[in-house]
N, C-alpha and C. Protein backbone atom coordinates (compact mmCIF):
# COMPACT_ATOMS: atom_id res chain seq x y z
N LEU A 1 -0.10 7.15 -20.66
CA LEU A 1 0.49 6.95 -21.01
C LEU A 1 0.99 8.36 -21.16
N GLU A 2 0.11 9.34 -21.94
CA GLU A 2 0.53 10.50 -23.43
C GLU A 2 1.77 10.29 -21.85
N MET A 3 1.08 10.91 -21.03
CA MET A 3 1.84 12.74 -19.87
C MET A 3 2.93 11.54 -19.55
N ASP A 4 3.26 10.06 -18.65
CA ASP A 4 4.86 9.69 -18.11
C ASP A 4 5.60 11.12 -19.04
N HIS A 5 6.13 10.41 -17.67
CA HIS A 5 7.67 12.06 -18.16
C HIS A 5 7.45 13.03 -17.89
N ASN A 6 6.63 13.48 -17.70
CA ASN A 6 5.99 14.92 -17.92
C ASN A 6 5.79 15.23 -16.55
N VAL A 7 6.75 16.23 -16.11
CA VAL A 7 7.40 16.29 -14.44
C VAL A 7 6.75 17.79 -14.33
N LEU A 8 6.93 18.72 -13.84
CA LEU A 8 6.86 20.31 -13.72
C LEU A 8 7.68 20.15 -12.29
N ARG A 9 8.35 21.11 -12.31
CA ARG A 9 9.42 21.05 -11.43
C ARG A 9 8.86 23.02 -10.64
N PHE A 10 9.25 23.17 -9.83
CA PHE A 10 8.99 24.25 -9.52
C PHE A 10 9.83 24.91 -7.72
N TYR A 11 10.64 25.97 -7.34
CA TYR A 11 11.89 26.26 -6.73
C TYR A 11 11.20 27.00 -6.08
N CYS A 12 10.24 26.49 -4.68
CA CYS A 12 9.23 27.02 -3.72
C CYS A 12 10.43 26.98 -2.17
N VAL A 13 9.76 28.11 -1.05
CA VAL A 13 9.87 28.29 -0.37
C VAL A 13 9.25 28.66 1.21
N TRP A 14 9.96 27.71 1.51
CA TRP A 14 9.00 28.24 2.92
C TRP A 14 9.21 28.90 4.28
N ASP A 15 8.37 30.11 4.44
CA ASP A 15 8.68 30.87 4.89
C ASP A 15 8.23 31.10 6.57
N ASP A 16 9.12 30.38 7.60
CA ASP A 16 8.37 29.99 8.84
C ASP A 16 9.19 31.11 9.78
N ARG A 17 8.93 32.34 9.37
CA ARG A 17 9.78 33.65 10.38
C ARG A 17 8.78 34.26 11.21
N GLU A 18 7.31 33.83 10.96
CA GLU A 18 6.76 34.33 12.00
C GLU A 18 6.69 33.37 13.38
N ASN A 19 7.49 31.52 13.59
CA ASN A 19 7.85 31.64 14.99
C ASN A 19 9.65 30.74 15.09
N MET A 20 9.54 31.66 16.81
CA MET A 20 10.85 31.74 16.99
C MET A 20 11.73 31.05 16.17
N PHE A 21 13.20 31.75 16.02
CA PHE A 21 14.21 30.92 15.51
C PHE A 21 13.77 30.28 13.79
N GLY A 22 12.41 31.12 13.43
CA GLY A 22 12.43 30.34 12.46
C GLY A 22 13.17 31.21 11.05
N GLU A 23 13.01 30.95 9.68
CA GLU A 23 13.87 31.21 7.89
C GLU A 23 13.13 30.43 7.39
N MET A 24 14.68 31.30 6.42
CA MET A 24 13.32 30.27 4.76
C MET A 24 13.96 29.88 3.90
N ARG A 25 13.15 28.46 3.86
CA ARG A 25 14.03 27.75 3.75
C ARG A 25 13.73 27.00 2.31
N PRO A 26 15.14 26.71 1.38
CA PRO A 26 14.41 26.64 0.03
C PRO A 26 13.92 24.92 -0.39
N TYR A 27 12.60 24.68 -0.98
CA TYR A 27 12.26 23.92 -1.18
C TYR A 27 12.45 23.19 -2.99
N ILE A 28 12.14 22.84 -4.03
CA ILE A 28 12.02 22.12 -5.12
C ILE A 28 10.55 21.56 -4.62
N LEU A 29 9.77 21.68 -5.79
CA LEU A 29 7.78 21.14 -6.02
C LEU A 29 7.52 20.06 -7.32
N HIS A 30 7.83 18.70 -7.09
CA HIS A 30 7.81 18.34 -8.85
C HIS A 30 6.84 18.14 -8.61
N TYR A 31 5.77 17.49 -9.25
CA TYR A 31 4.43 18.50 -9.99
C TYR A 31 3.79 17.31 -11.40
N TYR A 32 3.81 15.90 -10.77
CA TYR A 32 3.94 14.61 -11.88
C TYR A 32 2.41 14.31 -12.83
N LEU A 33 2.09 15.38 -14.42
CA LEU A 33 1.64 15.12 -14.63
C LEU A 33 0.35 14.00 -14.64
N VAL A 34 1.16 12.67 -14.81
CA VAL A 34 0.93 11.47 -15.04
C VAL A 34 -0.29 10.79 -14.09
N ASP A 35 0.62 11.56 -13.52
CA ASP A 35 -1.15 10.77 -11.95
C ASP A 35 -1.58 12.24 -11.28
N ASP A 36 -1.21 13.53 -11.22
CA ASP A 36 -1.01 13.87 -10.30
C ASP A 36 -0.92 14.11 -9.50
N THR A 37 0.95 13.70 -8.28
CA THR A 37 1.03 13.45 -7.77
C THR A 37 1.87 14.68 -7.94
N VAL A 38 2.82 14.62 -6.20
CA VAL A 38 3.54 16.00 -5.53
C VAL A 38 5.00 15.35 -4.74
N GLU A 39 5.61 16.16 -5.07
CA GLU A 39 6.86 15.52 -4.45
C GLU A 39 7.80 16.63 -3.66
N ILE A 40 7.94 16.83 -2.84
CA ILE A 40 8.44 17.83 -2.30
C ILE A 40 9.95 17.73 -1.99
N LEU A 41 10.94 18.07 -2.13
CA LEU A 41 12.60 17.45 -2.04
C LEU A 41 13.27 18.91 -1.12
N GLU A 42 14.51 18.91 0.10
CA GLU A 42 14.37 20.01 0.60
C GLU A 42 15.93 20.77 -0.46
N VAL A 43 16.68 21.70 -0.49
CA VAL A 43 17.82 22.28 -1.64
C VAL A 43 18.79 22.34 0.21
N HIS A 44 19.60 20.76 0.13
CA HIS A 44 20.47 21.59 0.56
C HIS A 44 22.54 22.16 0.38
N GLU A 45 22.92 23.22 1.24
CA GLU A 45 24.12 23.57 0.64
C GLU A 45 24.98 23.09 1.21
N PRO A 46 26.45 23.49 1.29
CA PRO A 46 27.66 22.56 1.53
C PRO A 46 27.18 23.14 2.40
N ASN A 47 27.49 22.38 4.23
CA ASN A 47 27.95 22.78 4.62
C ASN A 47 26.99 23.68 6.16
N ASP A 48 26.29 23.66 5.70
CA ASP A 48 24.01 23.58 6.55
C ASP A 48 24.09 24.14 7.10
N GLY A 49 25.00 22.66 7.58
CA GLY A 49 24.36 21.57 9.89
C GLY A 49 23.19 21.63 9.51
N ARG A 50 22.41 21.06 8.52
CA ARG A 50 21.19 19.93 8.90
C ARG A 50 21.13 18.90 7.96
N ASP A 51 20.91 17.09 8.80
CA ASP A 51 20.36 15.69 7.90
C ASP A 51 20.09 16.43 6.63
N PRO A 52 21.63 15.03 5.27
CA PRO A 52 20.93 15.41 4.31
C PRO A 52 20.01 14.17 3.21
N PHE A 53 18.56 14.74 4.41
CA PHE A 53 17.54 13.93 3.39
C PHE A 53 16.97 14.48 2.92
N PRO A 54 16.68 15.34 1.96
CA PRO A 54 16.33 15.73 1.59
C PRO A 54 14.03 15.91 0.76
N VAL A 55 13.86 15.06 1.41
CA VAL A 55 13.44 14.21 0.96
C VAL A 55 11.91 15.00 2.49
N LEU A 56 10.97 15.86 2.03
CA LEU A 56 10.00 16.26 2.82
C LEU A 56 8.63 15.92 2.72
N LEU A 57 7.82 15.39 1.69
CA LEU A 57 6.85 15.32 1.11
C LEU A 57 7.47 13.70 -0.48
N CYS A 58 6.85 12.35 0.25
CA CYS A 58 7.15 11.35 -0.89
C CYS A 58 6.43 11.65 -2.02
N GLN A 59 6.29 10.88 -2.90
CA GLN A 59 5.04 11.36 -4.02
C GLN A 59 3.65 11.20 -3.47
N GLN A 60 3.28 11.47 -4.07
CA GLN A 60 1.43 11.74 -3.40
C GLN A 60 0.77 12.48 -3.74
N LYS A 61 -1.03 12.56 -3.55
CA LYS A 61 -1.49 13.84 -4.25
C LYS A 61 -1.97 14.27 -2.68
N MET A 62 -2.05 15.71 -3.53
CA MET A 62 -1.94 15.86 -1.83
C MET A 62 -3.71 17.62 -2.44
N PRO A 63 -4.11 17.33 -1.03
CA PRO A 63 -5.59 17.83 -1.26
C PRO A 63 -5.11 19.13 -1.83
N GLN A 64 -5.88 20.17 -2.03
CA GLN A 64 -5.97 21.60 -2.55
C GLN A 64 -6.14 22.47 -1.15
N ASP A 65 -6.86 22.33 -0.38
CA ASP A 65 -7.71 22.44 0.73
C ASP A 65 -7.13 21.34 1.70
N PRO A 66 -6.73 21.18 2.98
CA PRO A 66 -6.15 20.48 3.02
C PRO A 66 -7.55 19.87 4.25
N ASN A 67 -7.78 21.33 5.56
CA ASN A 67 -8.64 21.68 6.37
C ASN A 67 -10.13 22.08 6.01
N ASP A 68 -9.89 21.95 4.66
CA ASP A 68 -12.12 21.38 3.34
C ASP A 68 -12.34 20.06 3.57
N THR A 69 -12.16 19.56 5.07
CA THR A 69 -13.63 18.48 5.19
C THR A 69 -14.56 17.87 5.55
N PRO A 70 -15.04 17.13 5.71
CA PRO A 70 -16.55 16.90 6.31
C PRO A 70 -16.15 17.37 7.17
N SER A 71 -17.61 17.93 8.04
CA SER A 71 -17.22 18.25 9.21
C SER A 71 -17.78 16.73 10.55
N ASN A 72 -18.41 15.66 9.78
CA ASN A 72 -18.02 14.96 10.70
C ASN A 72 -17.28 13.49 10.39
N PHE A 73 -16.39 14.17 9.40
CA PHE A 73 -14.34 13.22 9.06
C PHE A 73 -14.53 12.83 10.73
N PRO A 74 -13.25 11.84 10.64
CA PRO A 74 -12.48 11.44 12.22
C PRO A 74 -11.46 12.22 12.28
N SER A 75 -10.64 12.69 12.99
CA SER A 75 -9.32 13.28 13.36
C SER A 75 -8.66 12.56 13.24
N SER A 76 -9.07 11.93 13.78
CA SER A 76 -7.45 9.76 14.43
C SER A 76 -7.41 9.70 12.79
N VAL A 77 -7.60 9.70 11.78
CA VAL A 77 -7.78 9.29 10.49
C VAL A 77 -6.62 10.23 9.94
N MET A 78 -5.09 9.46 9.65
CA MET A 78 -3.88 10.67 9.01
C MET A 78 -4.31 10.85 8.18
N GLU A 79 -5.13 9.94 6.97
CA GLU A 79 -5.66 9.80 5.42
C GLU A 79 -6.31 10.10 4.95
N VAL A 80 -6.26 10.60 4.55
CA VAL A 80 -7.76 11.23 3.38
C VAL A 80 -8.25 10.17 2.35
N SER A 81 -9.32 9.93 1.34
CA SER A 81 -9.92 9.03 0.33
C SER A 81 -10.14 9.96 -0.72
N GLU A 82 -10.49 9.85 -1.97
CA GLU A 82 -11.35 10.83 -2.94
C GLU A 82 -12.92 10.70 -2.42
N ASN A 83 -13.28 10.38 -1.19
CA ASN A 83 -14.33 10.61 -0.75
C ASN A 83 -14.86 12.19 -0.07
N GLU A 84 -13.53 12.12 0.23
CA GLU A 84 -13.21 13.28 1.51
C GLU A 84 -12.59 14.71 0.81
N VAL A 85 -12.09 14.27 -0.37
CA VAL A 85 -12.05 15.55 -0.67
C VAL A 85 -11.98 16.42 -1.84
N LYS A 86 -12.59 17.07 -1.79
CA LYS A 86 -13.40 18.24 -2.84
C LYS A 86 -12.13 17.67 -4.07
N GLU A 87 -11.22 18.41 -3.86
CA GLU A 87 -10.66 19.39 -5.13
C GLU A 87 -9.02 18.36 -4.46
N TRP A 88 -7.83 17.98 -5.57
CA TRP A 88 -6.87 17.76 -5.30
C TRP A 88 -6.10 19.01 -5.78
N LEU A 89 -4.83 19.37 -5.35
CA LEU A 89 -3.63 20.19 -5.94
C LEU A 89 -3.42 19.51 -7.61
N ALA A 90 -3.65 20.16 -8.26
CA ALA A 90 -3.79 20.51 -9.33
C ALA A 90 -2.41 21.27 -10.58
N PRO A 91 -2.22 21.03 -12.12
CA PRO A 91 -1.40 22.14 -12.69
C PRO A 91 -1.73 23.77 -12.41
N GLU A 92 -3.20 23.80 -11.60
CA GLU A 92 -3.72 25.60 -12.09
C GLU A 92 -3.40 26.68 -10.64
N HIS A 93 -3.68 25.43 -9.39
CA HIS A 93 -3.31 25.72 -8.98
C HIS A 93 -1.17 26.57 -8.05
N LEU A 94 -0.52 25.59 -9.16
CA LEU A 94 1.01 26.27 -9.22
C LEU A 94 1.30 27.12 -9.98
N GLY A 95 1.43 27.79 -9.58
CA GLY A 95 2.68 28.78 -10.70
C GLY A 95 3.36 30.08 -9.69
N VAL A 96 4.19 30.94 -9.27
CA VAL A 96 5.48 31.67 -10.06
C VAL A 96 4.47 32.99 -8.85
N GLY A 97 5.03 33.06 -7.87
CA GLY A 97 3.54 33.85 -7.11
C GLY A 97 2.10 33.68 -6.31
N LYS A 98 2.36 32.52 -6.49
CA LYS A 98 1.34 31.59 -5.53
C LYS A 98 2.04 31.11 -4.07
N THR A 99 0.77 30.77 -3.34
CA THR A 99 1.12 30.33 -2.08
C THR A 99 0.30 29.22 -2.02
N ILE A 100 0.81 28.28 -1.36
CA ILE A 100 -0.19 26.60 -1.47
C ILE A 100 -0.01 26.46 -0.14
N ASN A 101 -0.89 25.21 0.68
CA ASN A 101 -0.54 24.97 2.31
C ASN A 101 -0.20 23.92 1.99
N ILE A 102 0.74 23.27 2.31
CA ILE A 102 0.93 21.37 1.80
C ILE A 102 1.28 21.62 4.06
N LEU A 103 1.21 20.09 4.42
CA LEU A 103 1.22 19.30 5.58
C LEU A 103 1.33 20.63 6.44
N GLY A 104 0.27 22.19 5.94
CA GLY A 104 0.06 23.11 7.31
C GLY A 104 1.53 24.11 7.55
N ARG A 105 1.70 24.20 6.38
CA ARG A 105 3.52 25.16 5.21
C ARG A 105 2.93 25.26 4.18
N ARG A 106 3.36 26.86 4.79
CA ARG A 106 3.18 28.03 3.36
C ARG A 106 4.17 27.90 2.48
N PHE A 107 3.73 27.84 1.76
CA PHE A 107 5.27 27.83 -0.05
C PHE A 107 4.45 28.24 -0.29
N LEU A 108 5.88 29.47 -1.37
CA LEU A 108 5.35 30.40 -2.12
C LEU A 108 6.03 29.56 -2.72
N MET A 109 6.03 30.59 -4.01
CA MET A 109 6.49 29.60 -5.26
C MET A 109 7.62 30.95 -5.38
N CYS A 110 8.87 30.48 -6.59
CA CYS A 110 8.81 31.17 -6.83
C CYS A 110 9.89 31.06 -8.18
N ASP A 111 10.92 31.79 -9.10
CA ASP A 111 11.46 30.89 -10.25
C ASP A 111 12.77 31.72 -10.10
N ARG A 112 13.39 30.92 -8.58
CA ARG A 112 14.60 31.42 -8.83
C ARG A 112 15.30 29.88 -7.64
N LYS A 113 16.47 29.49 -7.32
CA LYS A 113 15.88 28.35 -6.36
C LYS A 113 16.51 28.72 -4.99
């Protein structure tokens, strides 16, 4: 429990402008060092017209490359295990200016809210 209560916080944006009516939406990514899990929270502004449900992703382990599963892996399975994932998301994959892919969304890490 050496890393207990140690959390890395990153401000990031989801750039969805390539889709119709897409926009850049701000998020906060928490990386928990004790168990290498990730949590993503949406940042809401007053009167932004969105429902106040800020949790996009509950605290869980995320694969570094979600498309890097074996070819014989069934596509109907919603959850991957240690056997299918070659590399989990780690602190060295996170940093200002880097882009990560989570749930099919590209998040750009930035240094501001």
